[in-house]
Protein backbone atom coordinates (compact mmCIF):
# COMPACT_ATOMS: atom_id res chain seq x y z
CA MET A 1 84.78 -95.84 36.24
CA SER A 2 83.46 -92.98 38.14
CA ARG A 3 81.06 -93.98 41.36
CA ARG A 4 78.10 -92.28 39.76
CA ASP A 5 78.43 -94.59 36.69
CA ILE A 6 77.22 -97.72 38.91
CA ASP A 7 73.66 -98.43 38.46
CA HIS A 8 72.99 -101.38 41.04
CA ILE A 9 75.18 -103.52 43.37
CA LEU A 10 73.89 -106.41 44.82
CA THR A 11 75.47 -108.30 47.56
CA GLY A 12 75.21 -111.75 49.18
CA ARG A 13 76.85 -115.13 48.25
CA VAL A 14 77.99 -114.85 44.98
CA ILE A 15 78.85 -117.91 42.92
CA THR A 16 80.63 -116.69 39.97
CA LEU A 17 81.40 -119.76 37.71
CA ASP A 18 84.61 -117.85 36.85
CA GLU A 19 87.82 -119.78 35.84
CA SER A 20 88.81 -119.72 39.59
CA GLY A 21 85.50 -121.22 40.74
CA ARG A 22 85.60 -118.23 43.47
CA ILE A 23 82.84 -117.59 45.50
CA ALA A 24 82.26 -113.62 45.82
CA GLU A 25 80.36 -111.28 48.19
CA ALA A 26 79.13 -108.86 45.79
CA VAL A 27 78.64 -107.39 42.18
CA ALA A 28 78.30 -104.32 40.40
CA VAL A 29 76.24 -103.60 37.40
CA GLN A 30 76.49 -100.92 35.09
CA ASP A 31 74.30 -100.38 31.39
CA GLY A 32 73.08 -104.18 31.32
CA HIS A 33 76.56 -105.54 32.24
CA ILE A 34 78.49 -106.83 35.28
CA VAL A 35 81.82 -104.40 35.94
CA ALA A 36 83.21 -105.68 39.46
CA VAL A 37 82.94 -108.67 41.13
CA GLY A 38 84.23 -108.97 45.03
CA ASP A 39 84.49 -108.72 48.31
CA ARG A 40 81.43 -106.55 49.92
CA ARG A 41 83.22 -103.80 51.52
CA ALA A 42 85.35 -103.24 47.71
CA ILE A 43 82.35 -103.26 46.02
CA LEU A 44 80.29 -101.31 47.71
CA ASP A 45 83.20 -98.30 47.90
CA LEU A 46 82.00 -98.54 44.38
CA LYS A 47 78.90 -96.78 45.19
CA GLY A 48 77.50 -93.41 43.77
CA THR A 49 74.42 -91.13 44.90
CA ALA A 50 72.25 -93.14 42.52
CA THR A 51 73.08 -96.42 42.84
CA ARG A 52 70.91 -99.03 44.19
CA ILE A 53 72.02 -101.21 46.50
CA THR A 54 70.05 -105.08 47.23
CA GLU A 55 71.14 -106.76 49.94
CA THR A 56 70.35 -110.53 50.32
CA ASP A 57 70.73 -113.51 52.36
CA GLY A 58 70.36 -115.91 49.48
CA THR A 59 72.76 -116.70 47.03
CA ILE A 60 73.47 -115.25 43.53
CA ILE A 61 74.15 -117.44 40.47
CA PRO A 62 74.37 -116.80 36.68
CA GLY A 63 71.00 -116.95 35.45
CA PHE A 64 69.66 -120.39 34.33
CA ASN A 65 70.15 -121.03 30.76
CA ASP A 66 67.47 -123.69 29.59
CA ALA A 67 69.14 -125.54 26.59
CA HIS A 68 65.91 -127.53 25.49
CA ALA A 69 62.99 -125.44 26.56
CA HIS A 70 60.02 -125.59 24.94
CA LEU A 71 59.00 -122.53 26.62
CA ASP A 72 55.86 -121.53 24.63
CA THR A 73 54.13 -124.59 25.53
CA GLU A 74 53.93 -123.65 29.19
CA GLY A 75 51.79 -120.72 28.49
CA LEU A 76 49.51 -122.21 26.06
CA ARG A 77 48.21 -124.59 28.69
CA ASP A 78 45.89 -121.76 30.08
CA ARG A 79 44.37 -121.27 26.84
CA PHE A 80 41.66 -124.00 27.55
CA PRO A 81 39.81 -124.76 30.90
CA SER A 82 40.91 -127.32 33.06
CA LEU A 83 39.14 -130.17 34.31
CA GLY A 84 40.05 -129.66 37.50
CA HIS A 85 41.33 -132.84 40.00
CA VAL A 86 38.70 -135.17 38.38
CA ARG A 87 38.45 -138.70 39.87
CA SER A 88 35.56 -140.38 37.76
CA ILE A 89 33.57 -139.98 34.74
CA ALA A 90 30.95 -138.12 36.84
CA ASP A 91 33.24 -135.69 37.82
CA VAL A 92 34.66 -135.02 34.05
CA LEU A 93 30.23 -134.58 33.08
CA ALA A 94 29.79 -132.38 35.73
CA ARG A 95 32.78 -130.02 34.61
CA ILE A 96 31.58 -130.24 31.41
CA ALA A 97 27.64 -129.41 32.09
CA GLY A 98 28.57 -126.65 34.01
CA LEU A 99 30.84 -125.07 30.78
CA ALA A 100 27.87 -126.06 28.68
CA ARG A 101 25.99 -123.42 31.36
CA GLU A 102 28.30 -121.03 30.56
CA THR A 103 29.18 -121.29 26.62
CA PRO A 104 26.84 -119.91 24.04
CA ARG A 105 24.85 -122.63 22.24
CA GLY A 106 26.83 -123.96 19.31
CA GLU A 107 29.98 -122.90 20.45
CA TRP A 108 32.87 -125.40 20.82
CA ILE A 109 33.70 -126.46 24.50
CA VAL A 110 37.37 -127.54 24.55
CA THR A 111 39.06 -128.42 27.89
CA MET A 112 42.57 -129.52 28.94
CA PRO A 113 43.06 -133.37 29.46
CA VAL A 114 42.15 -135.81 31.91
CA GLY A 115 44.66 -136.05 34.60
CA ASP A 116 46.22 -134.13 36.66
CA ALA A 117 48.51 -130.87 35.90
CA PRO A 118 51.20 -130.45 34.93
CA PHE A 119 52.18 -133.80 33.27
CA TYR A 120 48.50 -135.38 33.16
CA PHE A 121 50.44 -138.92 33.86
CA GLY A 122 48.23 -141.62 33.78
CA GLY A 123 45.19 -139.75 31.89
CA PRO A 124 42.00 -141.79 32.17
CA SER A 125 43.37 -144.27 34.38
CA VAL A 126 43.00 -141.72 37.08
CA LEU A 127 39.35 -141.93 36.84
CA LYS A 128 37.26 -144.49 38.92
CA GLU A 129 36.53 -146.22 35.68
CA GLY A 130 40.00 -146.33 34.22
CA ARG A 131 38.54 -144.79 30.96
CA MET A 132 37.32 -141.63 29.09
CA PRO A 133 34.18 -140.43 28.67
CA THR A 134 31.92 -141.63 25.68
CA ARG A 135 30.18 -139.40 23.32
CA ALA A 136 26.80 -140.68 24.65
CA GLU A 137 28.01 -139.60 28.12
CA LEU A 138 28.96 -136.10 26.83
CA ASP A 139 26.04 -135.77 24.75
CA ARG A 140 23.87 -136.17 27.77
CA VAL A 141 25.78 -133.32 29.61
CA ALA A 142 26.52 -131.10 26.48
CA PRO A 143 23.81 -131.78 23.61
CA ASP A 144 24.15 -128.30 22.05
CA HIS A 145 27.82 -127.81 21.88
CA PRO A 146 30.74 -129.97 19.99
CA VAL A 147 32.93 -130.66 22.73
CA CYS A 148 36.45 -131.91 22.88
CA ILE A 149 38.46 -132.91 25.64
CA LEU A 150 42.14 -132.41 24.47
CA PRO A 151 45.05 -134.91 24.76
CA PRO A 152 48.54 -133.84 26.37
CA SER A 153 51.52 -134.05 24.32
CA GLY A 154 53.11 -137.15 24.68
CA TYR A 155 56.37 -135.63 25.21
CA TRP A 156 55.14 -133.82 28.56
CA SER A 157 52.70 -136.52 29.88
CA LEU A 158 53.21 -140.33 28.90
CA LEU A 159 52.15 -142.35 25.67
CA PRO A 160 48.98 -143.24 25.22
CA CYS A 161 47.36 -139.97 25.13
CA CYS A 162 43.54 -139.74 24.83
CA THR A 163 40.87 -137.30 23.43
CA ALA A 164 37.48 -137.41 23.74
CA LEU A 165 34.69 -135.88 21.81
CA ASN A 166 30.69 -135.85 21.67
CA SER A 167 28.61 -136.07 18.63
CA LEU A 168 28.37 -132.82 17.20
CA ALA A 169 32.32 -132.52 17.65
CA LEU A 170 32.51 -135.89 15.50
CA LYS A 171 30.17 -134.64 13.01
CA ALA A 172 31.99 -131.47 12.62
CA ASN A 173 35.13 -133.24 11.87
CA GLY A 174 33.41 -135.52 9.19
CA LEU A 175 33.96 -138.48 11.61
CA ASP A 176 31.52 -141.76 11.43
CA ARG A 177 31.74 -145.57 11.51
CA ASN A 178 33.49 -145.53 8.17
CA SER A 179 36.27 -143.20 9.25
CA THR A 180 39.93 -144.49 9.47
CA SER A 181 42.82 -142.58 10.98
CA PRO A 182 45.66 -141.65 8.10
CA VAL A 183 48.16 -141.65 10.86
CA GLU A 184 49.79 -145.29 12.16
CA GLY A 185 49.51 -145.07 15.97
CA VAL A 186 46.26 -143.32 16.22
CA GLU A 187 43.44 -145.37 17.14
CA LEU A 188 39.65 -144.67 16.48
CA GLU A 189 37.82 -146.54 19.69
CA ARG A 190 34.75 -148.55 18.54
CA ASP A 191 32.08 -150.00 20.55
CA ALA A 192 30.99 -153.63 19.75
CA ALA A 193 28.68 -152.33 17.19
CA GLY A 194 31.86 -150.89 15.23
CA GLU A 195 30.31 -147.49 16.06
CA LEU A 196 32.67 -144.66 17.32
CA THR A 197 32.52 -144.01 20.89
CA GLY A 198 34.35 -140.83 20.54
CA VAL A 199 37.39 -141.73 22.22
CA ILE A 200 40.94 -141.31 20.04
CA VAL A 201 44.07 -142.91 21.55
CA GLU A 202 47.41 -141.47 20.32
CA HIS A 203 50.38 -143.52 20.84
CA ASN A 204 52.88 -141.17 19.03
CA TYR A 205 54.54 -138.65 20.76
CA PRO A 206 54.09 -136.11 18.51
CA ASP A 207 50.55 -134.95 18.97
CA SER A 208 49.18 -136.44 15.78
CA ALA A 209 45.34 -136.98 16.41
CA GLN A 210 43.98 -133.11 16.39
CA ILE A 211 46.04 -132.64 13.22
CA ALA A 212 45.01 -135.39 11.30
CA LEU A 213 41.81 -135.84 12.23
CA LEU A 214 40.18 -132.84 13.96
CA PRO A 215 40.38 -129.71 11.57
CA ALA A 216 37.46 -128.32 13.12
CA VAL A 217 38.43 -128.19 16.66
CA PRO A 218 39.78 -124.62 17.51
CA ARG A 219 43.42 -124.02 17.21
CA PHE A 220 45.87 -121.47 18.48
CA SER A 221 45.56 -118.34 17.15
CA PRO A 222 48.49 -115.79 16.57
CA LYS A 223 47.16 -113.73 19.36
CA ASP A 224 47.33 -117.13 21.33
CA ARG A 225 50.63 -117.70 20.80
CA ARG A 226 51.75 -114.25 21.78
CA ASP A 227 50.03 -114.23 24.63
CA GLY A 228 51.03 -117.87 25.69
CA ILE A 229 54.88 -116.56 25.26
CA LEU A 230 54.33 -113.74 27.58
CA ARG A 231 52.88 -115.99 30.30
CA SER A 232 55.55 -118.49 29.40
CA VAL A 233 58.24 -116.05 30.21
CA ARG A 234 57.18 -114.93 33.48
CA ALA A 235 56.92 -118.42 34.59
CA TYR A 236 60.32 -119.27 33.22
CA HIS A 237 61.72 -116.31 34.80
CA ALA A 238 60.15 -116.88 38.14
CA VAL A 239 62.16 -120.18 38.32
CA GLY A 240 65.51 -118.27 37.75
CA THR A 241 65.57 -118.58 33.67
CA THR A 242 67.07 -115.65 31.76
CA SER A 243 67.98 -117.62 28.38
CA VAL A 244 66.31 -120.08 26.20
CA TYR A 245 67.78 -122.35 23.31
CA GLU A 246 64.74 -123.76 21.47
CA GLY A 247 67.10 -126.57 19.35
CA HIS A 248 64.14 -128.88 18.55
CA GLY A 249 63.30 -126.12 16.17
CA CYS A 250 60.52 -123.24 15.81
CA ALA A 251 58.09 -123.21 13.02
CA PRO A 252 57.44 -120.09 11.01
CA GLU A 253 54.32 -119.10 12.87
CA VAL A 254 56.03 -119.60 16.43
CA ILE A 255 59.12 -117.22 15.22
CA ASN A 256 56.37 -114.80 14.07
CA ALA A 257 55.03 -114.71 17.45
CA TYR A 258 58.54 -114.18 18.95
CA ARG A 259 59.59 -111.42 16.35
CA ASP A 260 56.31 -109.33 17.28
CA LEU A 261 57.29 -109.35 20.86
CA TRP A 262 60.95 -108.51 20.03
CA GLN A 263 59.67 -105.41 17.98
CA ALA A 264 57.50 -104.58 20.49
CA ASN A 265 60.11 -104.42 23.20
CA GLU A 266 58.35 -106.78 25.11
CA LEU A 267 60.30 -109.85 25.20
CA THR A 268 62.61 -109.98 27.98
CA MET A 269 64.07 -113.42 27.85
CA ARG A 270 67.16 -114.04 26.09
CA MET A 271 66.00 -116.32 23.13
CA HIS A 272 67.86 -118.04 20.67
CA LEU A 273 65.44 -120.05 17.85
CA VAL A 274 66.24 -122.85 15.57
CA VAL A 275 64.40 -122.91 12.60
CA SER A 276 62.19 -125.81 11.68
CA PRO A 277 61.66 -125.56 7.92
CA THR A 278 58.68 -126.53 5.98
CA TRP A 279 60.16 -128.27 3.14
CA THR A 280 58.80 -131.63 1.82
CA THR A 281 61.53 -132.87 -0.21
CA CYS A 282 65.24 -133.06 -0.23
CA GLU A 283 65.02 -130.75 -3.95
CA GLU A 284 63.04 -128.38 -1.83
CA ALA A 285 65.36 -128.29 0.92
CA GLU A 286 68.05 -127.47 -1.35
CA LEU A 287 66.35 -124.48 -2.74
CA MET A 288 65.16 -123.01 0.57
CA MET A 289 68.85 -123.64 2.11
CA ARG A 290 70.10 -121.80 -0.72
CA ASP A 291 67.68 -119.06 -1.23
CA TRP A 292 65.76 -118.62 2.04
CA LEU A 293 67.90 -119.76 4.82
CA SER A 294 70.97 -117.12 4.62
CA HIS A 295 69.92 -115.64 7.81
CA ALA A 296 70.22 -119.14 9.55
CA ARG A 297 73.80 -119.58 8.57
CA GLY A 298 76.47 -119.95 10.98
CA ALA A 299 76.02 -118.08 14.23
CA GLY A 300 72.72 -117.00 13.08
CA ILE A 301 71.44 -113.28 12.78
CA GLY A 302 69.77 -111.04 15.76
CA ASP A 303 70.71 -109.39 18.80
CA ALA A 304 71.39 -110.46 22.50
CA THR A 305 67.22 -110.59 23.03
CA LEU A 306 66.52 -112.58 20.08
CA ARG A 307 68.71 -114.50 17.54
CA ILE A 308 67.77 -116.72 15.13
CA GLY A 309 70.28 -119.62 13.83
CA GLY A 310 70.48 -123.33 12.52
CA ILE A 311 68.16 -125.59 11.58
CA PHE A 312 66.38 -128.67 12.92
CA VAL A 313 66.23 -131.94 10.83
CA GLY A 314 64.78 -135.10 12.09
CA TYR A 315 66.05 -138.41 11.98
CA GLY A 316 63.38 -141.18 11.63
CA GLY A 317 59.98 -140.33 12.76
CA GLU A 318 56.61 -141.78 11.56
CA PRO A 319 55.84 -140.96 8.19
CA THR A 320 52.34 -140.70 8.14
CA ALA A 321 52.07 -138.22 11.01
CA ALA A 322 54.51 -136.50 8.93
CA ARG A 323 52.64 -136.35 6.02
CA ALA A 324 49.25 -135.44 7.65
CA ALA A 325 51.49 -132.59 9.47
CA ARG A 326 52.55 -131.19 6.09
CA ILE A 327 48.91 -130.67 4.73
CA ASP A 328 48.93 -127.21 6.89
CA PRO A 329 52.45 -126.39 8.48
CA ALA A 330 50.73 -123.78 10.59
CA ASP A 331 48.28 -126.37 12.67
CA LEU A 332 51.15 -127.14 15.10
CA GLY A 333 48.91 -128.31 17.91
CA TRP A 334 51.08 -128.33 21.04
CA SER A 335 54.20 -128.59 19.28
CA CYS A 336 56.44 -125.17 18.57
CA TYR A 337 58.19 -127.48 15.48
CA ILE A 338 57.37 -128.80 12.24
CA LYS A 339 57.18 -132.62 11.92
CA HIS A 340 59.81 -134.67 9.97
CA ALA A 341 60.37 -138.42 9.03
CA ASN A 342 63.66 -138.88 7.40
CA GLU A 343 65.05 -142.44 6.55
CA PRO A 344 68.88 -142.22 6.93
CA ASP A 345 69.49 -141.87 3.36
CA ASP A 346 67.45 -138.68 2.95
CA PHE A 347 68.96 -137.34 6.32
CA GLU A 348 72.22 -137.58 4.80
CA LYS A 349 71.62 -135.92 1.73
CA LEU A 350 69.91 -133.06 4.04
CA CYS A 351 73.27 -133.07 6.18
CA MET A 352 75.28 -132.96 3.29
CA ARG A 353 73.50 -129.98 1.89
CA THR A 354 73.16 -128.29 5.24
CA ALA A 355 77.05 -128.35 5.71
CA ALA A 356 77.52 -126.97 2.18
CA HIS A 357 75.56 -123.86 2.99
CA ASP A 358 77.06 -123.57 6.53
CA LEU A 359 73.97 -124.19 8.02
CA ARG A 360 74.09 -125.68 11.68
CA ILE A 361 72.19 -129.07 11.78
CA HIS A 362 70.16 -129.87 15.15
CA THR A 363 68.40 -133.57 15.38
CA ILE A 364 66.87 -135.23 18.28
CA ALA A 365 68.96 -138.57 18.82
CA VAL A 366 67.48 -140.26 21.85
CA ASP A 367 69.26 -144.13 21.70
CA LYS A 368 70.11 -143.53 18.05
CA LEU A 369 73.65 -141.58 18.20
CA CYS A 370 75.17 -144.72 16.99
CA GLU A 371 73.31 -144.58 13.85
CA LEU A 372 73.93 -141.00 13.41
CA LEU A 373 77.67 -140.97 14.08
CA PRO A 374 78.66 -142.48 10.87
CA ILE A 375 76.49 -139.87 8.67
CA PHE A 376 78.10 -137.02 10.68
CA GLU A 377 81.57 -138.49 10.22
CA ARG A 378 81.01 -139.08 6.18
CA VAL A 379 79.59 -135.39 6.24
CA HIS A 380 82.85 -134.39 8.34
CA ALA A 381 85.19 -135.92 5.55
CA VAL A 382 83.76 -133.72 2.83
CA HIS A 383 82.81 -130.65 4.56
CA ASP A 384 84.87 -130.11 7.63
CA ILE A 385 81.89 -129.77 10.60
CA SER A 386 84.54 -129.56 13.51
CA ARG A 387 83.65 -125.67 14.33
CA ARG A 388 80.24 -125.43 13.09
CA ARG A 389 78.56 -126.59 16.61
CA TRP A 390 76.40 -129.03 15.19
CA VAL A 391 74.01 -130.31 18.14
CA VAL A 392 72.46 -133.67 19.08
CA GLU A 393 69.48 -132.93 21.26
CA HIS A 394 67.48 -134.81 23.58
CA MET A 395 70.32 -137.78 23.71
CA SER A 396 68.72 -140.67 25.85
CA HIS A 397 71.71 -143.44 25.87
CA ALA A 398 74.75 -144.29 23.95
CA SER A 399 77.86 -146.12 24.18
CA ALA A 400 80.85 -144.47 25.95
CA SER A 401 82.98 -145.08 23.04
CA ASP A 402 80.25 -143.28 20.42
CA LEU A 403 80.36 -140.30 23.16
CA ALA A 404 83.93 -139.93 22.49
CA ARG A 405 83.53 -139.65 18.66
CA LEU A 406 81.76 -136.71 19.35
CA LYS A 407 84.54 -134.64 20.29
CA ALA A 408 86.47 -134.92 17.19
CA LEU A 409 83.05 -133.60 15.28
CA GLY A 410 83.01 -130.58 17.26
CA ILE A 411 79.32 -131.58 18.00
CA GLY A 412 77.51 -130.71 21.33
CA VAL A 413 74.75 -132.18 23.11
CA THR A 414 71.57 -131.46 25.00
CA LEU A 415 70.26 -133.79 27.58
CA ILE A 416 66.86 -133.84 29.50
CA PRO A 417 68.16 -135.59 32.91
CA ASP A 418 64.47 -135.22 34.53
CA TYR A 419 62.97 -136.62 31.37
CA HIS A 420 64.98 -139.62 30.83
CA VAL A 421 66.37 -140.14 34.52
CA TRP A 422 63.22 -139.40 36.82
CA LYS A 423 60.07 -139.52 34.07
CA VAL A 424 60.77 -142.45 32.24
CA GLY A 425 63.63 -144.10 33.71
CA THR A 426 62.23 -147.51 34.16
CA ARG A 427 62.62 -148.06 30.73
CA PHE A 428 66.40 -148.35 31.23
CA PHE A 429 66.38 -150.56 34.27
CA PRO A 430 67.15 -153.77 32.46
CA LEU A 431 70.57 -152.46 31.59
CA SER A 432 73.68 -153.22 33.26
CA GLU A 433 74.67 -150.93 35.94
CA ALA A 434 77.70 -149.69 33.43
CA ASP A 435 75.11 -149.19 30.87
CA ARG A 436 72.90 -147.42 32.95
CA GLU A 437 75.43 -144.50 34.16
CA LEU A 438 75.19 -143.75 30.28
CA VAL A 439 72.05 -142.68 30.43
CA SER A 440 71.83 -139.07 30.13
CA PRO A 441 75.35 -138.96 30.77
CA THR A 442 76.34 -135.31 31.75
CA ALA A 443 79.51 -136.38 33.66
CA GLN A 444 80.81 -138.53 31.24
CA LEU A 445 80.50 -136.16 28.39
CA ASP A 446 81.96 -133.17 30.30
CA ALA A 447 84.70 -135.06 31.59
CA LEU A 448 85.40 -136.21 27.26
CA GLY A 449 85.41 -132.40 26.36
CA VAL A 450 82.36 -132.57 24.34
CA PRO A 451 79.89 -129.45 24.94
CA VAL A 452 76.97 -130.49 26.84
CA ALA A 453 73.95 -128.48 28.43
CA CYS A 454 70.63 -129.47 30.06
CA GLY A 455 67.29 -128.45 29.32
CA THR A 456 64.13 -128.80 31.06
CA ASP A 457 62.14 -129.97 28.00
CA ASN A 458 59.13 -128.12 29.89
CA SER A 459 58.33 -131.07 31.73
CA PRO A 460 58.49 -129.61 34.16
CA PHE A 461 60.28 -126.14 33.53
CA ASN A 462 62.22 -125.72 36.72
CA PRO A 463 65.99 -126.06 36.33
CA LEU A 464 66.42 -127.11 39.95
CA ALA A 465 64.31 -130.45 38.89
CA THR A 466 66.66 -131.05 36.25
CA MET A 467 69.64 -130.27 38.38
CA ARG A 468 68.12 -132.65 41.12
CA ALA A 469 67.85 -135.46 38.40
CA MET A 470 71.74 -135.17 37.52
CA ARG A 471 72.62 -135.05 40.97
CA THR A 472 70.70 -137.89 42.41
CA ARG A 473 69.50 -140.08 39.52
CA ARG A 474 66.33 -141.28 40.84
CA GLU A 475 63.46 -142.82 39.05
CA ARG A 476 60.27 -141.23 40.06
CA THR A 477 58.19 -144.39 40.63
CA THR A 478 60.40 -146.32 42.83
CA GLY A 479 63.17 -143.90 44.02
CA GLU A 480 65.82 -146.59 42.36
CA VAL A 481 69.15 -144.70 41.56
CA LEU A 482 69.78 -145.13 37.65
CA GLY A 483 73.54 -145.56 37.43
CA ALA A 484 75.08 -144.22 40.88
CA GLY A 485 78.41 -143.61 38.45
CA GLY A 486 76.57 -141.22 36.54
CA ARG A 487 75.87 -138.49 39.35
CA THR A 488 77.37 -135.12 38.84
CA THR A 489 79.10 -133.10 41.16
CA ALA A 490 76.78 -130.00 42.27
CA GLU A 491 79.38 -127.61 40.61
CA LEU A 492 78.66 -129.66 37.12
CA ALA A 493 74.61 -129.60 37.57
CA LEU A 494 75.14 -125.91 38.05
CA ARG A 495 77.29 -125.23 35.09
CA ALA A 496 75.18 -127.72 32.93
CA MET A 497 72.09 -125.48 33.71
CA THR A 498 73.90 -122.01 33.43
CA GLN A 499 77.27 -121.32 31.93
CA ASN A 500 77.44 -124.51 29.19
CA GLY A 501 74.48 -123.22 27.45
CA ALA A 502 76.21 -120.28 26.37
CA TRP A 503 78.33 -122.39 23.95
CA PHE A 504 75.29 -123.41 21.77
CA SER A 505 74.18 -119.65 21.01
CA PHE A 506 77.90 -118.56 20.46
CA GLU A 507 77.77 -116.55 23.82
CA GLU A 508 80.30 -118.26 26.23
CA ASN A 509 82.11 -114.88 26.31
CA VAL A 510 79.38 -112.85 27.41
CA LYS A 511 76.84 -115.26 29.20
CA GLY A 512 76.93 -117.81 31.86
CA ARG A 513 79.59 -116.19 34.54
CA ILE A 514 79.47 -113.32 37.05
CA ALA A 515 82.56 -111.73 35.83
CA PRO A 516 83.32 -108.26 34.51
CA GLY A 517 82.05 -107.60 30.70
CA TYR A 518 79.55 -110.52 31.24
CA PHE A 519 75.87 -109.60 30.48
CA ALA A 520 73.99 -108.82 33.95
CA ASP A 521 71.86 -112.07 34.15
CA LEU A 522 71.43 -113.05 37.41
CA THR A 523 69.32 -115.30 39.36
CA VAL A 524 68.85 -115.07 43.30
CA LEU A 525 67.93 -118.06 45.18
CA SER A 526 66.90 -118.54 48.83
CA GLY A 527 69.92 -121.06 49.23
CA CYS A 528 72.90 -122.32 47.96
CA PRO A 529 72.93 -124.82 45.29
CA LEU A 530 76.42 -126.21 45.88
CA THR A 531 75.90 -127.11 49.62
CA MET A 532 72.20 -128.19 49.48
CA PRO A 533 71.84 -131.97 48.93
CA GLY A 534 70.42 -132.88 45.92
CA GLU A 535 67.05 -134.36 47.11
CA GLU A 536 66.17 -131.05 48.60
CA LEU A 537 67.34 -128.60 45.76
CA GLU A 538 63.40 -128.31 44.63
CA THR A 539 62.93 -126.68 48.01
CA LEU A 540 64.79 -123.81 47.05
CA SER A 541 62.86 -120.69 45.76
CA CYS A 542 63.82 -117.74 43.04
CA LEU A 543 63.75 -114.83 44.89
CA ALA A 544 64.89 -112.50 41.82
CA THR A 545 65.67 -112.63 38.47
CA MET A 546 67.69 -110.28 36.75
CA VAL A 547 68.26 -109.74 32.80
CA GLY A 548 70.41 -107.15 31.28
CA GLY A 549 70.70 -105.46 34.84
CA LYS A 550 66.81 -105.06 35.49
CA PHE A 551 64.70 -107.23 37.66
CA VAL A 552 62.07 -109.32 35.48
CA HIS A 553 61.05 -111.32 38.53
CA GLY A 554 61.20 -110.31 42.11
CA SER A 555 63.56 -107.58 43.56
CA ILE A 556 64.17 -108.67 47.23
């Protein structure tokens, strides 16, 4: 290469994650790719007259690759006004009254949930009264507006999740004392006289109440989703994320939003989207796999910015919630995916048909790996799936013997350590110490040679929080370590949030290392994640993020 060919040289502590694990001092970038890595003097000697030089005291790492991101959700949280840091019913009502003064008569007032962002832990328990405002209380401050205080999603908060509506909102949705919920796990709260209080309590993780009971409450428009994705991308870039893998699946409406941004050259995040199909029966699924999902076969179709491949098929699930969601598959609420509920027999039929059509399965395991493995092994006996890169998502806990069975099937695993260890770790406290170590078992899967990558699940979306959970394994309310033997090394925690995710999108030869020929997807941190104590990882800041040789956040 000639000196004038070099676009950019960055110097600093460079964690290459190459096969030798070397720490370099500089990296040279040309046409969106890394062309040289080495000591500072040798790399600077390559500079030409037009070469940009960026020198930093920080640490340069491969860009974070969030392997289970739900990226689009983050940007939607700005769509509706916040209630703020409320601590009483009076605080909530004051906020609603203020919104009523600003909103034309008759128009909806829809707000974000009660509780503190970003998680809204506790919901109404943070209020002095320990409950949501009633319809009568909301009526007093907004008699001329239908009002809806939205619930959070159970996935980024904790169950139960609560909605509150005033009388006009109940009427607009056709709800009265004779109404019942078509979805199990959704409760219409009533007073002593049997009248609706306006409070709806959701006990399901997917947000079902709005979809099943509240068709009149304003939804996210296609523009909302596109704008929300752009806000999300900026937020994820600001913490160093350069790639996202959406293994939980994306509904057609969400895929359309990404496609629109990609076609307009507005998408700067590298996205791999898994299809969340809209079928309702196994027979319909067969037709869709045969006739409409050829683009999702194998590694999928697309380019280095947007690729679509694989399908998500749910195992288990709440049938009444799934039926309600099927009435209008475009009505997604906070979710980006279509809700499914499949009994084991139907799930196995779908897996067989998926394998026959060379489609990759993605499914949420949680603690059900022991039930999924026999199904996968029976499919494997008919259709060799060992090289198809099927994926078990969001696994929480499994036995050591079951983890070992994944290797022969070629199945990869995505884990959400910050969720299962930090956020809801108390549910695993009754386990023995040996079994606690198998909660979110990054280290064990890596030792077995099973492809494993970690994601944030958008709760929160900072990869450093996920790495902290992997390294410390501390539960958030007690500080108790959940299985010390399951802690990862600093190097494995970094690989699980950067390099390892590339396997899931068939990009391990172009992404996840700082080495010649790889994408110039780089993150510059204020300190070194390999030497920083695990407890302190979140004190690091992202100074700059580069995708394809261009800064998308900061510039140092």
